[in-house]
C-alpha atoms as a PDB file:
ATOM      1  CA  MET A   1      11.989   8.001 -11.915  1.00  0.00           C
ATOM      2  CA  ARG A   2       9.198  10.556  -9.652  1.00  0.00           C
ATOM      3  CA  ILE A   3       7.952   8.666  -7.396  1.00  0.00           C
ATOM      4  CA  LEU A   4       5.315  10.258  -4.966  1.00  0.00           C
ATOM      5  CA  VAL A   5       5.639   7.487  -1.457  1.00  0.00           C
ATOM      6  CA  VAL A   6       2.059   7.361   0.771  1.00  0.00           C
ATOM      7  CA  GLY A   7       2.766   6.874   4.121  1.00  0.00           C
ATOM      8  CA  GLY A   8       6.803   7.621   3.622  1.00  0.00           C
ATOM      9  CA  ASN A   9       7.438  10.127   5.988  1.00  0.00           C
ATOM     10  CA  SER A  10       5.761   7.708   9.174  1.00  0.00           C
ATOM     11  CA  GLY A  11       4.637   4.268   8.796  1.00  0.00           C
ATOM     12  CA  THR A  12       7.401   1.302   9.301  1.00  0.00           C
ATOM     13  CA  ILE A  13       7.188   0.061   5.915  1.00  0.00           C
ATOM     14  CA  GLY A  14       6.729   3.268   4.102  1.00  0.00           C
ATOM     15  CA  LYS A  15       9.812   4.941   5.601  1.00  0.00           C
ATOM     16  CA  THR A  16      11.942   2.129   4.331  1.00  0.00           C
ATOM     17  CA  VAL A  17      10.555   1.772   1.166  1.00  0.00           C
ATOM     18  CA  ALA A  18      11.201   5.661   0.432  1.00  0.00           C
ATOM     19  CA  ALA A  19      14.340   5.280   1.659  1.00  0.00           C
ATOM     20  CA  ARG A  20      15.193   2.424  -0.520  1.00  0.00           C
ATOM     21  CA  LEU A  21      13.684   4.170  -3.732  1.00  0.00           C
ATOM     22  CA  SER A  22      15.821   7.778  -2.724  1.00  0.00           C
ATOM     23  CA  LYS A  23      19.010   6.463  -3.207  1.00  0.00           C
ATOM     24  CA  LYS A  24      18.138   6.289  -7.313  1.00  0.00           C
ATOM     25  CA  HIS A  25      14.933   8.220  -7.568  1.00  0.00           C
ATOM     26  CA  GLU A  26      13.571  11.310  -6.790  1.00  0.00           C
ATOM     27  CA  VAL A  27      10.974  10.732  -4.064  1.00  0.00           C
ATOM     28  CA  ILE A  28       7.847  12.594  -2.841  1.00  0.00           C
ATOM     29  CA  THR A  29       6.691  11.422   0.430  1.00  0.00           C
ATOM     30  CA  ALA A  30       2.906  11.917   1.208  1.00  0.00           C
ATOM     31  CA  GLY A  31       0.448  11.320   4.641  1.00  0.00           C
ATOM     32  CA  ARG A  32      -2.188  13.008   6.929  1.00  0.00           C
ATOM     33  CA  ASN A  33      -0.074  14.172   8.908  1.00  0.00           C
ATOM     34  CA  GLY A  34       3.384  15.007   7.413  1.00  0.00           C
ATOM     35  CA  GLY A  35       5.443  14.063   4.482  1.00  0.00           C
ATOM     36  CA  ASP A  36       6.191  16.982   1.524  1.00  0.00           C
ATOM     37  CA  VAL A  37       2.657  16.871   0.950  1.00  0.00           C
ATOM     38  CA  ARG A  38      -0.493  16.408   3.526  1.00  0.00           C
ATOM     39  CA  MET A  39      -3.020  13.865   1.864  1.00  0.00           C
ATOM     40  CA  ASP A  40      -5.689  12.063   3.684  1.00  0.00           C
ATOM     41  CA  MET A  41      -6.996   8.754   1.584  1.00  0.00           C
ATOM     42  CA  GLU A  42     -10.560   8.623   2.889  1.00  0.00           C
ATOM     43  CA  SER A  43     -10.888  11.630   1.038  1.00  0.00           C
ATOM     44  CA  SER A  44     -11.085  11.221  -2.716  1.00  0.00           C
ATOM     45  CA  GLU A  45     -10.701  15.313  -2.814  1.00  0.00           C
ATOM     46  CA  SER A  46      -7.613  15.436  -0.807  1.00  0.00           C
ATOM     47  CA  ILE A  47      -6.097  12.665  -2.944  1.00  0.00           C
ATOM     48  CA  LYS A  48      -7.100  14.580  -6.381  1.00  0.00           C
ATOM     49  CA  LYS A  49      -6.162  17.902  -4.547  1.00  0.00           C
ATOM     50  CA  MET A  50      -2.771  16.446  -3.638  1.00  0.00           C
ATOM     51  CA  PHE A  51      -1.397  15.016  -7.744  1.00  0.00           C
ATOM     52  CA  GLU A  52      -3.077  18.688  -8.780  1.00  0.00           C
ATOM     53  CA  GLU A  53      -0.167  20.329  -6.636  1.00  0.00           C
ATOM     54  CA  ILE A  54       2.548  17.286  -7.456  1.00  0.00           C
ATOM     55  CA  GLY A  55       1.835  17.028 -10.842  1.00  0.00           C
ATOM     56  CA  LYS A  56       3.381  13.907 -13.284  1.00  0.00           C
ATOM     57  CA  LEU A  57       4.947  11.037 -11.856  1.00  0.00           C
ATOM     58  CA  ASP A  58       6.887   7.773 -12.759  1.00  0.00           C
ATOM     59  CA  ALA A  59       5.619   6.106 -10.222  1.00  0.00           C
ATOM     60  CA  ILE A  60       3.134   5.968  -7.389  1.00  0.00           C
ATOM     61  CA  VAL A  61       3.416   3.949  -3.897  1.00  0.00           C
ATOM     62  CA  ASN A  62       1.045   3.464  -1.453  1.00  0.00           C
ATOM     63  CA  CYS A  63       2.329   1.711   2.404  1.00  0.00           C
ATOM     64  CA  ALA A  64      -0.386   2.831   3.827  1.00  0.00           C
ATOM     65  CA  GLY A  65      -4.231   2.519   5.005  1.00  0.00           C
ATOM     66  CA  ALA A  66      -6.091   2.004   8.072  1.00  0.00           C
ATOM     67  CA  THR A  67      -7.989  -0.899   9.277  1.00  0.00           C
ATOM     68  CA  LYS A  68      -9.874  -2.357  12.609  1.00  0.00           C
ATOM     69  CA  TRP A  69      -8.785  -4.893  14.543  1.00  0.00           C
ATOM     70  CA  GLY A  70     -11.233  -6.785  16.623  1.00  0.00           C
ATOM     71  CA  PRO A  71     -12.931 -10.125  17.557  1.00  0.00           C
ATOM     72  CA  PHE A  72     -15.197 -10.588  14.657  1.00  0.00           C
ATOM     73  CA  ALA A  73     -18.199 -10.880  16.907  1.00  0.00           C
ATOM     74  CA  GLU A  74     -17.348  -7.340  18.629  1.00  0.00           C
ATOM     75  CA  LEU A  75     -17.018  -5.833  15.412  1.00  0.00           C
ATOM     76  CA  SER A  76     -19.658  -3.339  14.347  1.00  0.00           C
ATOM     77  CA  GLU A  77     -21.010  -2.162  10.749  1.00  0.00           C
ATOM     78  CA  GLU A  78     -19.369   1.324  11.731  1.00  0.00           C
ATOM     79  CA  ASP A  79     -16.017  -0.974  12.702  1.00  0.00           C
ATOM     80  CA  PHE A  80     -15.680  -2.787   9.351  1.00  0.00           C
ATOM     81  CA  TYR A  81     -16.101   0.767   7.189  1.00  0.00           C
ATOM     82  CA  VAL A  82     -12.337   1.624   8.957  1.00  0.00           C
ATOM     83  CA  GLY A  83     -11.201  -1.216   6.330  1.00  0.00           C
ATOM     84  CA  LEU A  84     -13.003  -0.660   3.944  1.00  0.00           C
ATOM     85  CA  LYS A  85     -12.664   3.340   3.856  1.00  0.00           C
ATOM     86  CA  GLY A  86      -8.903   3.295   4.762  1.00  0.00           C
ATOM     87  CA  LYS A  87      -7.202   0.208   3.168  1.00  0.00           C
ATOM     88  CA  LEU A  88      -9.796  -0.596   0.038  1.00  0.00           C
ATOM     89  CA  MET A  89     -10.910   2.404  -0.596  1.00  0.00           C
ATOM     90  CA  GLY A  90      -8.509   4.525  -0.176  1.00  0.00           C
ATOM     91  CA  GLN A  91      -6.211   2.274  -2.156  1.00  0.00           C
ATOM     92  CA  VAL A  92      -8.513   2.049  -4.912  1.00  0.00           C
ATOM     93  CA  ASN A  93      -9.109   5.834  -4.959  1.00  0.00           C
ATOM     94  CA  LEU A  94      -5.026   6.152  -5.212  1.00  0.00           C
ATOM     95  CA  VAL A  95      -5.329   4.006  -8.840  1.00  0.00           C
ATOM     96  CA  ARG A  96      -8.975   5.403  -9.975  1.00  0.00           C
ATOM     97  CA  ILE A  97      -7.210   9.262  -9.798  1.00  0.00           C
ATOM     98  CA  GLY A  98      -3.456   8.794  -9.942  1.00  0.00           C
ATOM     99  CA  ARG A  99      -3.738   7.201 -13.127  1.00  0.00           C
ATOM    100  CA  ASN A 100      -4.302  10.328 -14.645  1.00  0.00           C
ATOM    101  CA  TYR A 101      -1.024  11.830 -12.890  1.00  0.00           C
ATOM    102  CA  LEU A 102       1.640   8.936 -14.687  1.00  0.00           C
ATOM    103  CA  ASN A 103       3.813   9.178 -17.284  1.00  0.00           C
ATOM    104  CA  LYS A 104       3.721   6.815 -19.921  1.00  0.00           C
ATOM    105  CA  GLY A 105       4.807   3.463 -18.963  1.00  0.00           C
ATOM    106  CA  GLY A 106       4.219   4.564 -15.463  1.00  0.00           C
ATOM    107  CA  SER A 107       3.393   2.160 -12.120  1.00  0.00           C
ATOM    108  CA  ILE A 108       1.417   2.063  -9.485  1.00  0.00           C
ATOM    109  CA  THR A 109       2.448  -0.261  -5.718  1.00  0.00           C
ATOM    110  CA  LEU A 110      -0.362  -0.568  -3.743  1.00  0.00           C
ATOM    111  CA  THR A 111       0.510  -2.872  -0.103  1.00  0.00           C
ATOM    112  CA  THR A 112      -1.794  -6.006   1.666  1.00  0.00           C
ATOM    113  CA  GLY A 113      -0.030  -8.474   3.749  1.00  0.00           C
ATOM    114  CA  ILE A 114      -0.151 -12.304   5.304  1.00  0.00           C
ATOM    115  CA  LEU A 115      -3.244 -11.907   6.889  1.00  0.00           C
ATOM    116  CA  ALA A 116      -4.827 -11.839   3.218  1.00  0.00           C
ATOM    117  CA  ASP A 117      -3.491 -15.624   2.783  1.00  0.00           C
ATOM    118  CA  ASP A 118      -3.289 -16.546   6.661  1.00  0.00           C
ATOM    119  CA  PRO A 119      -5.406 -14.451   9.514  1.00  0.00           C
ATOM    120  CA  VAL A 120      -4.946 -14.137  12.745  1.00  0.00           C
ATOM    121  CA  LYS A 121      -7.231 -13.743  15.513  1.00  0.00           C
ATOM    122  CA  GLY A 122      -8.615 -10.522  15.402  1.00  0.00           C
ATOM    123  CA  ALA A 123      -7.745  -9.467  12.015  1.00  0.00           C
ATOM    124  CA  THR A 124     -11.450  -9.882  10.162  1.00  0.00           C
ATOM    125  CA  ASN A 125     -10.934  -6.579   8.817  1.00  0.00           C
ATOM    126  CA  SER A 126      -7.728  -6.590   7.335  1.00  0.00           C
ATOM    127  CA  ALA A 127      -7.988 -10.007   6.427  1.00  0.00           C
ATOM    128  CA  MET A 128     -11.052  -8.804   3.987  1.00  0.00           C
ATOM    129  CA  ALA A 129      -9.551  -5.548   2.624  1.00  0.00           C
ATOM    130  CA  ASN A 130      -6.703  -7.509   1.588  1.00  0.00           C
ATOM    131  CA  GLY A 131      -7.729  -9.753   0.395  1.00  0.00           C
ATOM    132  CA  ALA A 132     -10.313  -7.747  -1.702  1.00  0.00           C
ATOM    133  CA  ILE A 133      -7.418  -6.079  -3.041  1.00  0.00           C
ATOM    134  CA  HIS A 134      -5.755  -8.809  -4.579  1.00  0.00           C
ATOM    135  CA  GLY A 135      -9.116  -8.976  -6.476  1.00  0.00           C
ATOM    136  CA  PHE A 136      -8.690  -5.573  -7.265  1.00  0.00           C
ATOM    137  CA  VAL A 137      -5.350  -5.195  -9.020  1.00  0.00           C
ATOM    138  CA  LYS A 138      -5.424  -8.566 -10.651  1.00  0.00           C
ATOM    139  CA  ALA A 139      -8.723  -6.512 -12.681  1.00  0.00           C
ATOM    140  CA  VAL A 140      -7.826  -3.419 -12.990  1.00  0.00           C
ATOM    141  CA  SER A 141      -3.929  -4.327 -14.285  1.00  0.00           C
ATOM    142  CA  GLN A 142      -5.508  -6.335 -17.568  1.00  0.00           C
ATOM    143  CA  GLU A 143      -7.860  -3.720 -18.753  1.00  0.00           C
ATOM    144  CA  HIS A 144      -5.244  -1.485 -18.336  1.00  0.00           C
ATOM    145  CA  ILE A 145      -1.872  -3.358 -19.453  1.00  0.00           C
ATOM    146  CA  ASN A 146      -1.203  -0.969 -21.947  1.00  0.00           C
ATOM    147  CA  GLU A 147      -0.991   2.009 -19.987  1.00  0.00           C
ATOM    148  CA  PHE A 148       0.321   1.474 -16.096  1.00  0.00           C
ATOM    149  CA  ARG A 149       1.833  -0.702 -14.306  1.00  0.00           C
ATOM    150  CA  LEU A 150      -0.080  -2.139 -10.899  1.00  0.00           C
ATOM    151  CA  ASN A 151       1.330  -4.613  -8.960  1.00  0.00           C
ATOM    152  CA  VAL A 152       0.953  -5.004  -4.885  1.00  0.00           C
ATOM    153  CA  VAL A 153       3.127  -6.118  -2.700  1.00  0.00           C
ATOM    154  CA  SER A 154       1.772  -8.278   0.433  1.00  0.00           C
ATOM    155  CA  PRO A 155       4.535  -8.445   3.315  1.00  0.00           C
ATOM    156  CA  GLY A 156       4.222 -10.928   6.672  1.00  0.00           C
ATOM    157  CA  LEU A 157       5.354  -9.813   9.460  1.00  0.00           C
ATOM    158  CA  VAL A 158       7.860  -7.286   9.455  1.00  0.00           C
ATOM    159  CA  GLU A 159      11.310  -7.226  11.298  1.00  0.00           C
ATOM    160  CA  ASP A 160      10.760  -3.792  12.925  1.00  0.00           C
ATOM    161  CA  SER A 161       6.692  -4.253  14.337  1.00  0.00           C
ATOM    162  CA  ALA A 162       8.176  -7.639  15.510  1.00  0.00           C
ATOM    163  CA  GLU A 163       8.587  -5.956  19.644  1.00  0.00           C
ATOM    164  CA  ARG A 164       5.345  -4.571  19.186  1.00  0.00           C
ATOM    165  CA  LEU A 165       3.042  -6.996  17.172  1.00  0.00           C
ATOM    166  CA  GLY A 166       4.782 -10.161  17.624  1.00  0.00           C
ATOM    167  CA  ASP A 167       2.183 -11.605  20.222  1.00  0.00           C
ATOM    168  CA  ALA A 168      -0.180 -11.048  17.476  1.00  0.00           C
ATOM    169  CA  PHE A 169       1.059 -13.338  14.848  1.00  0.00           C
ATOM    170  CA  PRO A 170       1.676 -16.596  16.998  1.00  0.00           C
ATOM    171  CA  GLY A 171       4.820 -18.611  15.103  1.00  0.00           C
ATOM    172  CA  HIS A 172       5.397 -16.194  12.207  1.00  0.00           C
ATOM    173  CA  ILE A 173       8.920 -15.317  11.566  1.00  0.00           C
ATOM    174  CA  PRO A 174       9.648 -11.437  10.713  1.00  0.00           C
ATOM    175  CA  VAL A 175      10.899 -10.673   7.322  1.00  0.00           C
ATOM    176  CA  PRO A 176      13.650  -8.905   7.075  1.00  0.00           C
ATOM    177  CA  MET A 177      12.938  -5.334   5.881  1.00  0.00           C
ATOM    178  CA  ASP A 178      15.657  -4.923   3.360  1.00  0.00           C
ATOM    179  CA  LYS A 179      13.212  -8.233   1.903  1.00  0.00           C
ATOM    180  CA  VAL A 180      10.490  -6.278   2.117  1.00  0.00           C
ATOM    181  CA  ALA A 181      11.766  -3.260   0.304  1.00  0.00           C
ATOM    182  CA  ALA A 182      13.447  -5.033  -2.129  1.00  0.00           C
ATOM    183  CA  ALA A 183       9.594  -5.957  -3.352  1.00  0.00           C
ATOM    184  CA  TYR A 184       8.765  -2.531  -3.680  1.00  0.00           C
ATOM    185  CA  VAL A 185      11.868  -1.841  -5.979  1.00  0.00           C
ATOM    186  CA  ARG A 186      11.233  -4.735  -8.121  1.00  0.00           C
ATOM    187  CA  SER A 187       7.395  -3.517  -8.744  1.00  0.00           C
ATOM    188  CA  VAL A 188       8.401  -0.013  -9.556  1.00  0.00           C
ATOM    189  CA  GLU A 189      11.463  -0.748 -11.649  1.00  0.00           C
ATOM    190  CA  GLY A 190      10.617  -3.803 -12.875  1.00  0.00           C
ATOM    191  CA  LEU A 191       8.593  -5.456 -15.842  1.00  0.00           C
ATOM    192  CA  ARG A 192       5.303  -6.839 -13.693  1.00  0.00           C
ATOM    193  CA  THR A 193       1.669  -6.518 -13.730  1.00  0.00           C
ATOM    194  CA  GLY A 194      -0.899  -7.874 -12.037  1.00  0.00           C
ATOM    195  CA  GLU A 195       0.779  -9.405  -9.611  1.00  0.00           C
ATOM    196  CA  ILE A 196       0.547 -10.307  -5.747  1.00  0.00           C
ATOM    197  CA  ILE A 197       4.562  -9.849  -4.852  1.00  0.00           C
ATOM    198  CA  ARG A 198       4.480 -12.211  -1.460  1.00  0.00           C
ATOM    199  CA  ILE A 199       7.118 -11.553   1.140  1.00  0.00           C
ATOM    200  CA  TYR A 200       6.388 -14.128   3.908  1.00  0.00           C
END
């Protein structure tokens, strides 16, 4: 397969997923500051330009998307737009535009996280965006069930981020990176569509 991995050049999860998929497939990485191609998820024009440059694909995997952390009482309207533009609309636009560049039987895999189901202090923006993506995937996958597959992987706190972020996730048991990467392989190589693949 020919697979695009957004965030596959620098992200904690993205690098692991790209490495795992590249064992069997041709992987192209994309990111704002690096990768095989450059792309800004907050710009529809940038997303379209990237797909025009890459051409047809068998799968699109997104492991990127910014949100704003902080206590709800201190978040401004502009702070909430960080998650809405980056994590939510960035992924929506990857699907909206990217589906036109998929070969028949292709798939798209998005990324959310445990905060949709088990939010921690300061994670309102992330929880909101993640929950919205879950609803989006369920709806769009049914509308296009005969055109392409669409799933979302929702990992917990991953091992490679545990030292840096562990204090923000009290009591959470870090998820092994191999288990996280395997979820993306299941989405890309399997038959499922419209699923939230929770790896907690």
